[in-house]
Amino acid sequence: MREYKVNGLAHRVYDEDDELPSGLVVQENWRKAVIGDWVRADDNCIIQILRKGEMLTRNKVREYVGTCTGTFPVRKSVTMDTSRRDHIYSFGGKNPQETLLDRTTNSKHETLFIQYMVAGLPMTEAYMKAFPTGQSGYATERATQLMKLERIRSQVKEELKPVLEKLGIDDESVLKDIQYTSKNAEKEDVRLRALFKLSDILDLEDKTSTKVTTVTGALFQGFTPDKLEEAERPQLKEGDKDA
């Protein structure tokens, strides 16, 4: 028998049937269980269902169940075991932030988020249209996390290239504008901020790409409609969402 704490409460996992308390009813099919049921996992251990719910993934509603060791989609192809996950509230057992950092390529939803951003949507709205969530606060937090990632900023810059070219904006022009502001802005604090920005850029090893990517990526909040019209950028169609 093992014990794991969830929200300060101890929950047991029985490794052998002879450890079970007298009279404990065990549901043999964990996929049909409800909250509070004791079920037999696919590793033959007995564990209690603590959570059950539904979530929207790829425009489909999917059921899931949660135990003191992990969370599992209710599907025939999924097996439930009782090994303790590092993060018991995610399907992969990893903290969502770790998953973001570990990924080397952008997911379909992340790419869609970038496309909506480049098409001119505010960051939060772009996230809510690209990902299955209706919570604006959560969307703002997650979008901010995405925009800090180098792989996201790099794709944003790639998507922006055609628009920037038509608007006459390139790395050199951005640097020149910052330099001009650092010397000619009327307010001293504006000149100082521009000067600090130049200092940040010059401190990087890759002075031609990495920091300029940060300038155009981390601070990018989408073009205004008039700028997009000026560049004759084709708008993202609603039908592209399922692409």
Protein backbone atom coordinates (compact mmCIF):
# COMPACT_ATOMS: atom_id res chain seq x y z
CA MET A 1 0.00 0.00 0.00
CA ARG A 2 1.12 3.53 -0.80
CA GLU A 3 -0.09 6.97 0.26
CA TYR A 4 0.07 10.27 -1.65
CA LYS A 5 -1.14 13.67 -0.48
CA VAL A 6 -3.40 15.85 -2.62
CA ASN A 7 -4.38 19.25 -1.22
CA GLY A 8 -3.15 18.15 2.19
CA LEU A 9 -5.23 14.95 2.29
CA ALA A 10 -3.69 11.47 2.19
CA HIS A 11 -5.01 9.07 -0.46
CA ARG A 12 -4.17 5.40 -0.61
CA VAL A 13 -3.18 3.14 -3.46
CA TYR A 14 -3.50 -0.60 -2.83
CA ASP A 15 -0.93 -2.72 -4.62
CA GLU A 16 -2.44 -6.08 -3.65
CA ASP A 17 -6.04 -7.22 -3.23
CA ASP A 18 -5.33 -8.66 0.22
CA GLU A 19 -4.55 -5.11 1.41
CA LEU A 20 -8.08 -3.89 0.68
CA PRO A 21 -10.29 -2.91 3.65
CA SER A 22 -13.19 -5.26 4.24
CA GLY A 23 -16.27 -4.31 2.24
CA LEU A 24 -14.50 -1.97 -0.19
CA VAL A 25 -16.28 -2.12 -3.56
CA VAL A 26 -13.99 -2.01 -6.59
CA GLN A 27 -15.15 -0.90 -10.06
CA GLU A 28 -13.30 -3.10 -12.56
CA ASN A 29 -13.76 -0.67 -15.48
CA TRP A 30 -12.22 2.68 -14.49
CA ARG A 31 -13.64 4.36 -17.61
CA LYS A 32 -17.18 3.97 -16.23
CA ALA A 33 -16.37 5.15 -12.71
CA VAL A 34 -17.65 8.29 -11.02
CA ILE A 35 -15.99 10.51 -8.43
CA GLY A 36 -15.43 8.57 -5.22
CA ASP A 37 -15.32 5.13 -6.83
CA TRP A 38 -12.44 2.78 -6.15
CA VAL A 39 -11.24 1.31 -9.43
CA ARG A 40 -8.81 -1.27 -10.69
CA ALA A 41 -6.14 0.44 -12.76
CA ASP A 42 -4.52 -1.28 -15.73
CA ASP A 43 -1.48 -2.15 -13.58
CA ASN A 44 -3.89 -4.13 -11.33
CA CYS A 45 -3.59 -1.71 -8.39
CA ILE A 46 -6.63 -0.22 -6.68
CA ILE A 47 -7.01 3.57 -6.60
CA GLN A 48 -9.80 6.11 -6.01
CA ILE A 49 -11.25 8.48 -8.61
CA LEU A 50 -10.89 12.02 -7.19
CA ARG A 51 -11.81 14.10 -10.24
CA LYS A 52 -13.91 13.66 -13.34
CA GLY A 53 -14.77 16.19 -16.02
CA GLU A 54 -14.83 17.20 -19.64
CA MET A 55 -12.55 19.37 -21.76
CA LEU A 56 -12.65 20.69 -25.31
CA THR A 57 -9.80 19.46 -27.51
CA ARG A 58 -9.72 19.93 -31.29
CA ASN A 59 -13.42 20.89 -31.28
CA LYS A 60 -14.33 17.63 -29.49
CA VAL A 61 -15.51 17.19 -25.90
CA ARG A 62 -13.44 14.55 -24.14
CA GLU A 63 -13.90 13.05 -20.70
CA TYR A 64 -11.08 12.64 -18.20
CA VAL A 65 -10.62 11.21 -14.71
CA GLY A 66 -8.08 12.14 -12.07
CA THR A 67 -6.50 10.22 -9.21
CA CYS A 68 -3.86 10.97 -6.59
CA THR A 69 -1.20 9.84 -9.08
CA GLY A 70 -2.30 11.38 -12.39
CA THR A 71 -4.97 12.42 -14.90
CA PHE A 72 -6.15 10.21 -17.76
CA PRO A 73 -8.38 10.72 -20.83
CA VAL A 74 -11.34 8.32 -20.88
CA ARG A 75 -10.51 6.48 -24.09
CA LYS A 76 -10.08 2.82 -25.01
CA SER A 77 -6.56 3.48 -26.26
CA VAL A 78 -5.47 5.02 -22.93
CA THR A 79 -4.23 2.89 -20.03
CA MET A 80 -4.30 3.98 -16.41
CA ASP A 81 -1.44 3.11 -14.10
CA THR A 82 -0.73 4.20 -10.55
CA SER A 83 2.82 5.54 -10.92
CA ARG A 84 3.00 8.99 -9.36
CA ARG A 85 3.38 11.80 -11.94
CA ASP A 86 5.40 14.95 -11.30
CA HIS A 87 2.28 16.95 -12.20
CA ILE A 88 -0.92 15.01 -11.52
CA TYR A 89 -3.25 17.49 -13.26
CA SER A 90 -1.88 17.17 -16.81
CA PHE A 91 -2.21 14.21 -19.17
CA GLY A 92 1.51 13.96 -19.84
CA GLY A 93 2.43 14.22 -16.16
CA LYS A 94 4.48 17.38 -16.75
CA ASN A 95 3.88 20.91 -15.58
CA PRO A 96 2.37 22.88 -18.53
CA GLN A 97 5.19 25.42 -18.28
CA GLU A 98 7.76 22.61 -18.62
CA THR A 99 5.92 21.31 -21.68
CA LEU A 100 6.12 24.76 -23.29
CA LEU A 101 9.85 25.00 -22.62
CA ASP A 102 10.63 21.44 -23.73
CA ARG A 103 8.85 21.72 -27.09
CA THR A 104 11.19 22.47 -30.00
CA THR A 105 8.57 23.04 -32.71
CA ASN A 106 5.36 25.05 -32.61
CA SER A 107 2.09 23.18 -32.27
CA LYS A 108 -0.86 23.71 -34.61
CA HIS A 109 -2.59 25.92 -32.02
CA GLU A 110 0.57 27.94 -31.44
CA THR A 111 1.01 28.52 -35.17
CA LEU A 112 -2.61 29.61 -35.42
CA PHE A 113 -2.07 31.99 -32.50
CA ILE A 114 0.86 33.56 -34.35
CA GLN A 115 -1.17 33.92 -37.55
CA TYR A 116 -3.99 35.69 -35.71
CA MET A 117 -1.46 38.00 -34.05
CA VAL A 118 0.14 38.91 -37.38
CA ALA A 119 -3.33 39.44 -38.86
CA GLY A 120 -3.85 42.23 -36.32
CA LEU A 121 -5.72 40.67 -33.38
CA PRO A 122 -4.76 41.70 -29.84
CA MET A 123 -2.70 39.07 -28.02
CA THR A 124 -5.46 37.83 -25.70
CA GLU A 125 -8.07 37.60 -28.45
CA ALA A 126 -5.61 35.79 -30.71
CA TYR A 127 -5.01 33.19 -28.01
CA MET A 128 -8.73 32.68 -27.34
CA LYS A 129 -9.41 32.10 -31.05
CA ALA A 130 -6.46 29.71 -31.44
CA PHE A 131 -6.85 27.70 -28.23
CA PRO A 132 -9.96 26.10 -26.68
CA THR A 133 -10.56 28.54 -23.83
CA GLY A 134 -13.10 31.21 -23.03
CA GLN A 135 -11.25 32.63 -20.01
CA SER A 136 -9.67 35.96 -20.93
CA GLY A 137 -7.46 36.17 -17.84
CA TYR A 138 -6.03 32.72 -18.47
CA ALA A 139 -5.60 33.56 -22.17
CA THR A 140 -3.62 36.72 -21.35
CA GLU A 141 -1.32 34.82 -18.99
CA ARG A 142 -0.67 31.99 -21.46
CA ALA A 143 -0.23 34.33 -24.44
CA THR A 144 2.35 36.32 -22.48
CA GLN A 145 4.22 33.10 -21.70
CA LEU A 146 4.18 32.12 -25.37
CA MET A 147 5.55 35.46 -26.51
CA LYS A 148 8.58 35.01 -24.25
CA LEU A 149 9.65 31.85 -26.10
CA GLU A 150 12.36 32.16 -28.75
CA ARG A 151 10.67 29.66 -31.11
CA ILE A 152 7.43 31.71 -31.01
CA ARG A 153 9.23 35.04 -31.53
CA SER A 154 11.20 33.57 -34.44
CA GLN A 155 8.04 32.44 -36.23
CA VAL A 156 6.39 35.80 -35.55
CA LYS A 157 9.32 37.49 -37.24
CA GLU A 158 9.11 35.12 -40.22
CA GLU A 159 5.37 35.75 -40.58
CA LEU A 160 5.96 39.49 -40.35
CA LYS A 161 8.65 39.69 -43.04
CA PRO A 162 6.30 40.28 -46.03
CA VAL A 163 4.37 42.94 -44.10
CA LEU A 164 7.51 44.65 -42.82
CA GLU A 165 9.03 44.74 -46.30
CA LYS A 166 5.97 46.48 -47.73
CA LEU A 167 6.04 48.98 -44.88
CA GLY A 168 9.76 49.60 -45.40
CA ILE A 169 10.70 48.24 -41.98
CA ASP A 170 13.82 46.14 -41.47
CA ASP A 171 16.37 45.54 -38.70
CA GLU A 172 18.46 48.51 -39.79
CA SER A 173 15.55 50.93 -39.87
CA VAL A 174 14.43 49.84 -36.39
CA LEU A 175 17.91 50.43 -35.00
CA LYS A 176 18.16 53.80 -36.74
CA ASP A 177 14.81 54.88 -35.28
CA ILE A 178 15.92 53.87 -31.78
CA GLN A 179 19.19 55.71 -32.25
CA TYR A 180 17.41 58.84 -33.55
CA THR A 181 15.03 58.75 -30.56
CA SER A 182 17.93 58.39 -28.12
CA LYS A 183 19.43 61.62 -29.49
CA ASN A 184 16.46 63.75 -30.50
CA ALA A 185 13.44 62.96 -28.33
CA GLU A 186 12.15 66.00 -26.45
CA LYS A 187 11.74 64.20 -23.12
CA GLU A 188 14.86 63.03 -21.32
CA ASP A 189 13.24 59.80 -20.03
CA VAL A 190 12.31 58.82 -23.61
CA ARG A 191 15.91 59.43 -24.75
CA LEU A 192 17.19 57.34 -21.85
CA ARG A 193 14.86 54.43 -22.58
CA ALA A 194 15.95 54.42 -26.23
CA LEU A 195 19.59 54.56 -25.15
CA PHE A 196 19.11 51.63 -22.76
CA LYS A 197 17.44 49.67 -25.56
CA LEU A 198 20.47 50.23 -27.79
CA SER A 199 22.71 49.18 -24.92
CA ASP A 200 20.74 45.94 -24.51
CA ILE A 201 21.05 45.18 -28.21
CA LEU A 202 24.79 45.79 -28.31
CA ASP A 203 25.38 43.53 -25.30
CA LEU A 204 24.19 40.42 -27.16
CA GLU A 205 26.51 38.01 -28.96
CA ASP A 206 24.26 37.82 -32.00
CA LYS A 207 23.68 41.50 -32.59
CA THR A 208 22.03 41.13 -36.00
CA SER A 209 19.22 38.74 -35.24
CA THR A 210 18.57 37.62 -31.68
CA LYS A 211 17.90 40.97 -30.03
CA VAL A 212 16.07 42.46 -32.99
CA THR A 213 13.84 39.38 -32.86
CA THR A 214 13.13 40.31 -29.26
CA VAL A 215 12.34 43.89 -30.27
CA THR A 216 9.92 42.83 -32.99
CA GLY A 217 8.62 39.77 -31.15
CA ALA A 218 8.27 40.37 -27.43
CA LEU A 219 6.86 43.84 -27.88
CA PHE A 220 4.78 43.07 -30.95
CA GLN A 221 1.05 43.42 -30.29
CA GLY A 222 -0.30 43.21 -33.84
CA PHE A 223 -0.57 45.77 -36.62
CA THR A 224 -3.44 48.21 -36.61
CA PRO A 225 -6.02 47.73 -39.40
CA ASP A 226 -4.82 50.82 -41.28
CA LYS A 227 -1.24 49.52 -41.35
CA LEU A 228 -2.41 46.15 -42.61
CA GLU A 229 -4.48 47.78 -45.30
CA GLU A 230 -1.50 49.92 -46.30
CA ALA A 231 0.63 46.81 -46.69
CA GLU A 232 -2.21 44.98 -48.48
CA ARG A 233 -1.76 42.01 -46.19
CA PRO A 234 -4.43 39.32 -46.83
CA GLN A 235 -6.57 38.82 -43.75
CA LEU A 236 -6.75 35.44 -42.03
CA LYS A 237 -10.03 33.78 -42.89
CA GLU A 238 -12.17 32.13 -40.25
CA GLY A 239 -12.10 28.89 -42.21
CA ASP A 240 -8.32 28.69 -41.75
CA LYS A 241 -8.84 27.83 -38.10
CA ASP A 242 -9.36 24.16 -38.90
CA ALA A 243 -6.40 23.99 -41.26
